[in-house]
Amino acid sequence: MADLVYPPVIAAARTMFRVLDNRIRIEGAEHIPRRGGAVIACNHISYLDFIFCGLGARPAKRLTRFMAKKEIFDNKIAGPLMRGMHHISVDRSAGLASYREALGKLQAGEVVGVFPEATISRSFTVKEIKSGAVRMAAAAGVPVVPMALWGTQRLWTKGRPKDLTRRHVPISILIGEPMHPAKGDDWDVVTKELRTRMSALLDRAQAEYPDQPASDGERWWLPAHLGGTAPTPAEAAELDLS
């Protein structure tokens, strides 16, 4: 399929990041296959995560097709861009169609990106994840590649004003070794292992991150277990229900 929209969007994003001096670190890109289908399973801490997750696949010269909620495709500005980049609309009331579309892309050799937590993690830890990523990969006979992002929450996250022009924000993109789920696997076990790998990548990204909050008022972007003021996982779960 022709990609007339995706490359210019990537070029525009990269130009913006250079202007803002967002120091983007990508580690482990060799784990993304250079050909054939693959599922990227990424943590979710920002409304911008699909951009940075996609950038993580660019050293492998891959374009990632993301599964995103239907409401984004309904937007007058974002919708045409999403369709032009051949992303996958997810209608939660009729999820089978989007699953089949994603499966078809994987079988055709595409890379599909998913956020298995389903919603942004307010605690900046990896929430419980859905089994769809590993099930889809097994059905298509492709690997699942775990990924973790850190720093993106400082630009725009749930419950905070967006700060898209903030300069000098480091962004970490860490990619782990692929998993190879197969039909007949215990989905609970494989999904738990995927979450463990995503969490380990996120822990390392947080430990190696070059910035610290400049003041107590900036501690909101750190998780509680690292001395930040972000909600604990239990508190975040309560907020998600409210």
Protein backbone atom coordinates (compact mmCIF):
# COMPACT_ATOMS: atom_id res chain seq x y z
CA MET A 1 0.00 0.00 0.00
CA ALA A 2 1.26 3.49 -0.82
CA ASP A 3 2.50 5.60 2.09
CA LEU A 4 2.12 9.18 0.91
CA VAL A 5 1.16 10.64 4.30
CA TYR A 6 3.28 8.77 6.86
CA PRO A 7 6.82 9.86 5.76
CA PRO A 8 6.00 13.61 5.73
CA VAL A 9 4.38 13.31 9.17
CA ILE A 10 7.52 11.60 10.52
CA ALA A 11 9.72 14.28 8.95
CA ALA A 12 7.62 17.05 10.50
CA ALA A 13 7.77 15.39 13.93
CA ARG A 14 11.53 14.96 13.74
CA THR A 15 11.95 18.61 12.75
CA MET A 16 9.86 19.70 15.73
CA PHE A 17 11.88 17.53 18.10
CA ARG A 18 15.13 19.00 16.77
CA VAL A 19 13.82 22.55 17.19
CA LEU A 20 12.75 21.80 20.76
CA ASP A 21 15.99 19.90 21.45
CA ASN A 22 14.12 16.86 22.72
CA ARG A 23 16.98 14.45 23.31
CA ILE A 24 15.58 11.17 22.01
CA ARG A 25 17.39 7.99 23.04
CA ILE A 26 16.49 4.78 21.21
CA GLU A 27 18.00 1.57 22.54
CA GLY A 28 17.34 -1.97 21.35
CA ALA A 29 16.03 -1.15 17.87
CA GLU A 30 17.83 -4.23 16.59
CA HIS A 31 15.08 -6.30 18.21
CA ILE A 32 12.49 -5.03 15.73
CA PRO A 33 12.44 -7.29 12.65
CA ARG A 34 13.49 -5.56 9.44
CA ARG A 35 10.96 -7.58 7.48
CA GLY A 36 7.83 -9.55 8.22
CA GLY A 37 5.03 -8.93 10.68
CA ALA A 38 5.51 -8.02 14.34
CA VAL A 39 3.49 -6.61 17.21
CA ILE A 40 5.03 -3.82 19.27
CA ALA A 41 3.59 -3.76 22.81
CA CYS A 42 4.32 -0.41 24.45
CA ASN A 43 3.53 1.16 27.80
CA HIS A 44 1.23 4.18 27.80
CA ILE A 45 1.98 7.36 29.77
CA SER A 46 1.20 10.15 27.29
CA TYR A 47 -1.18 11.17 24.55
CA LEU A 48 1.90 11.40 22.30
CA ASP A 49 3.15 7.86 22.83
CA PHE A 50 2.17 6.62 19.37
CA ILE A 51 4.58 9.16 17.84
CA PHE A 52 7.55 8.03 19.93
CA CYS A 53 6.70 4.34 19.72
CA GLY A 54 6.67 4.75 15.94
CA LEU A 55 10.03 6.51 16.06
CA GLY A 56 11.43 3.53 17.93
CA ALA A 57 10.79 1.37 14.86
CA ARG A 58 12.37 3.76 12.36
CA PRO A 59 16.00 2.54 12.77
CA ALA A 60 14.67 -0.80 11.47
CA LYS A 61 13.09 1.15 8.57
CA ARG A 62 9.59 0.06 9.64
CA LEU A 63 6.34 2.02 9.66
CA THR A 64 4.10 1.06 12.57
CA ARG A 65 0.32 0.80 12.15
CA PHE A 66 -1.32 1.65 15.46
CA MET A 67 -4.58 0.43 16.87
CA ALA A 68 -6.33 3.57 18.13
CA LYS A 69 -9.80 4.36 19.37
CA LYS A 70 -12.43 5.28 16.81
CA GLU A 71 -12.93 8.76 18.31
CA ILE A 72 -9.52 9.83 17.01
CA PHE A 73 -10.50 8.80 13.48
CA ASP A 74 -13.72 10.83 13.84
CA ASN A 75 -11.74 14.02 14.50
CA LYS A 76 -11.76 16.41 11.51
CA ILE A 77 -8.00 17.01 11.68
CA ALA A 78 -6.58 13.80 13.13
CA GLY A 79 -8.94 11.46 11.27
CA PRO A 80 -7.61 12.04 7.73
CA LEU A 81 -4.03 11.75 9.01
CA MET A 82 -4.76 8.50 10.84
CA ARG A 83 -6.42 7.01 7.78
CA GLY A 84 -3.64 8.30 5.51
CA MET A 85 -1.07 6.53 7.71
CA HIS A 86 -3.13 3.32 7.54
CA HIS A 87 -3.66 3.07 11.28
CA ILE A 88 -6.42 0.83 12.62
CA SER A 89 -9.65 2.24 14.05
CA VAL A 90 -10.87 0.42 17.17
CA ASP A 91 -14.58 0.57 17.95
CA ARG A 92 -14.84 -0.98 21.41
CA SER A 93 -18.46 -1.92 20.77
CA ALA A 94 -17.42 -3.91 17.69
CA GLY A 95 -13.82 -4.93 18.33
CA LEU A 96 -13.76 -7.99 16.07
CA ALA A 97 -13.48 -5.92 12.88
CA SER A 98 -10.41 -4.03 14.13
CA TYR A 99 -8.84 -7.28 15.34
CA ARG A 100 -9.30 -8.83 11.91
CA GLU A 101 -7.85 -5.75 10.22
CA ALA A 102 -4.79 -5.84 12.49
CA LEU A 103 -4.39 -9.57 11.91
CA GLY A 104 -4.53 -9.01 8.15
CA LYS A 105 -1.80 -6.38 8.36
CA LEU A 106 0.42 -8.68 10.42
CA GLN A 107 -0.06 -11.54 7.97
CA ALA A 108 0.84 -9.14 5.16
CA GLY A 109 4.17 -8.40 6.87
CA GLU A 110 3.26 -5.13 8.61
CA VAL A 111 4.26 -3.95 12.10
CA VAL A 112 1.26 -3.25 14.35
CA GLY A 113 1.60 -1.14 17.50
CA VAL A 114 -0.60 -1.67 20.53
CA PHE A 115 -0.84 -0.21 24.02
CA PRO A 116 -1.97 -3.27 25.99
CA GLU A 117 -2.76 -1.24 29.12
CA ALA A 118 -5.62 0.21 27.00
CA THR A 119 -5.52 3.60 28.76
CA ILE A 120 -2.83 5.99 29.98
CA SER A 121 -1.21 4.97 33.26
CA ARG A 122 -1.58 7.85 35.73
CA SER A 123 0.86 6.14 38.12
CA PHE A 124 3.61 5.98 35.44
CA THR A 125 4.01 2.27 36.13
CA VAL A 126 2.83 -0.54 33.86
CA LYS A 127 -0.82 -1.33 34.62
CA GLU A 128 -2.37 -4.75 34.20
CA ILE A 129 -2.36 -5.48 30.48
CA LYS A 130 -4.79 -7.12 28.10
CA SER A 131 -3.94 -10.41 26.38
CA GLY A 132 -4.85 -9.17 22.90
CA ALA A 133 -1.25 -8.42 21.86
CA VAL A 134 0.00 -11.95 22.49
CA ARG A 135 -3.15 -13.59 21.11
CA MET A 136 -2.92 -11.56 17.91
CA ALA A 137 0.78 -12.31 17.48
CA ALA A 138 0.19 -16.03 17.99
CA ALA A 139 -2.68 -16.06 15.50
CA ALA A 140 -0.50 -14.34 12.88
CA GLY A 141 2.64 -16.32 13.70
CA VAL A 142 4.70 -13.19 14.44
CA PRO A 143 6.76 -12.00 17.43
CA VAL A 144 5.74 -9.55 20.14
CA VAL A 145 8.36 -6.87 20.84
CA PRO A 146 8.09 -5.15 24.26
CA MET A 147 8.82 -1.42 24.41
CA ALA A 148 8.92 1.22 27.13
CA LEU A 149 8.76 4.99 26.85
CA TRP A 150 9.80 7.50 29.47
CA GLY A 151 9.73 11.32 29.42
CA THR A 152 6.74 11.63 27.11
CA GLN A 153 4.47 12.26 30.11
CA ARG A 154 6.23 15.58 30.66
CA LEU A 155 4.82 16.88 27.37
CA TRP A 156 1.18 15.79 27.62
CA THR A 157 -0.49 13.29 29.90
CA LYS A 158 -3.84 12.65 31.52
CA GLY A 159 -4.83 15.17 34.16
CA ARG A 160 -2.08 17.67 33.30
CA PRO A 161 -2.02 20.64 30.90
CA LYS A 162 -0.18 19.90 27.68
CA ASP A 163 3.24 21.49 27.22
CA LEU A 164 4.09 20.61 23.63
CA THR A 165 6.65 23.40 23.24
CA ARG A 166 8.68 22.48 26.33
CA ARG A 167 12.35 22.43 25.37
CA HIS A 168 15.22 20.09 26.27
CA VAL A 169 13.02 17.21 27.48
CA PRO A 170 14.83 13.86 27.18
CA ILE A 171 12.72 11.04 25.76
CA SER A 172 13.79 7.41 26.30
CA ILE A 173 12.62 4.59 23.99
CA LEU A 174 13.79 1.17 25.16
CA ILE A 175 13.04 -1.97 23.15
CA GLY A 176 13.36 -5.50 24.46
CA GLU A 177 13.97 -8.92 22.95
CA PRO A 178 11.01 -10.34 21.04
CA MET A 179 8.70 -12.97 22.48
CA HIS A 180 7.24 -15.72 20.29
CA PRO A 181 3.79 -16.69 21.57
CA ALA A 182 2.19 -19.67 19.88
CA LYS A 183 -1.28 -21.11 19.60
CA GLY A 184 -1.99 -23.29 22.59
CA ASP A 185 0.05 -21.18 25.01
CA ASP A 186 -1.41 -20.20 28.37
CA TRP A 187 -2.42 -16.61 27.61
CA ASP A 188 -2.35 -15.56 31.26
CA VAL A 189 1.23 -16.79 31.64
CA VAL A 190 2.46 -15.22 28.39
CA THR A 191 0.68 -11.93 29.11
CA LYS A 192 2.20 -11.81 32.60
CA GLU A 193 5.65 -12.37 31.08
CA LEU A 194 5.08 -9.56 28.57
CA ARG A 195 4.08 -7.20 31.39
CA THR A 196 7.17 -8.22 33.36
CA ARG A 197 9.41 -7.39 30.39
CA MET A 198 7.68 -4.06 29.76
CA SER A 199 8.03 -3.17 33.45
CA ALA A 200 11.73 -4.08 33.47
CA LEU A 201 12.35 -1.83 30.47
CA LEU A 202 10.42 1.01 32.12
CA ASP A 203 12.32 0.57 35.39
CA ARG A 204 15.61 0.83 33.50
CA ALA A 205 14.45 3.86 31.53
CA GLN A 206 13.51 5.60 34.77
CA ALA A 207 16.75 4.64 36.51
CA GLU A 208 18.90 5.87 33.60
CA TYR A 209 16.90 9.01 32.82
CA PRO A 210 19.22 12.04 32.75
CA ASP A 211 16.80 14.56 34.31
CA GLN A 212 15.34 14.99 37.78
CA PRO A 213 12.53 17.32 38.84
CA ALA A 214 13.85 20.85 39.28
CA SER A 215 11.51 21.55 42.22
CA ASP A 216 8.89 19.89 44.40
CA GLY A 217 6.27 21.19 41.98
CA GLU A 218 7.90 19.18 39.20
CA ARG A 219 7.79 15.87 41.09
CA TRP A 220 4.40 15.11 39.53
CA TRP A 221 6.08 13.33 36.60
CA LEU A 222 7.84 10.79 38.83
CA PRO A 223 6.05 7.65 40.10
CA ALA A 224 5.37 7.44 43.83
CA HIS A 225 7.88 4.63 44.39
CA LEU A 226 10.65 6.92 43.10
CA GLY A 227 9.67 9.79 45.38
CA GLY A 228 7.29 11.49 42.96
CA THR A 229 3.79 12.78 43.57
CA ALA A 230 2.09 10.75 40.83
CA PRO A 231 -0.75 8.57 42.16
CA THR A 232 0.14 5.10 43.37
CA PRO A 233 -1.19 2.29 41.18
CA ALA A 234 -4.08 1.79 43.61
CA GLU A 235 -4.90 5.51 43.64
CA ALA A 236 -4.65 5.63 39.85
CA ALA A 237 -7.09 2.75 39.56
CA GLU A 238 -9.58 4.67 41.71
CA LEU A 239 -9.14 7.77 39.54
CA ASP A 240 -9.80 5.72 36.41
CA LEU A 241 -13.12 4.60 37.89
CA SER A 242 -14.25 8.11 38.83
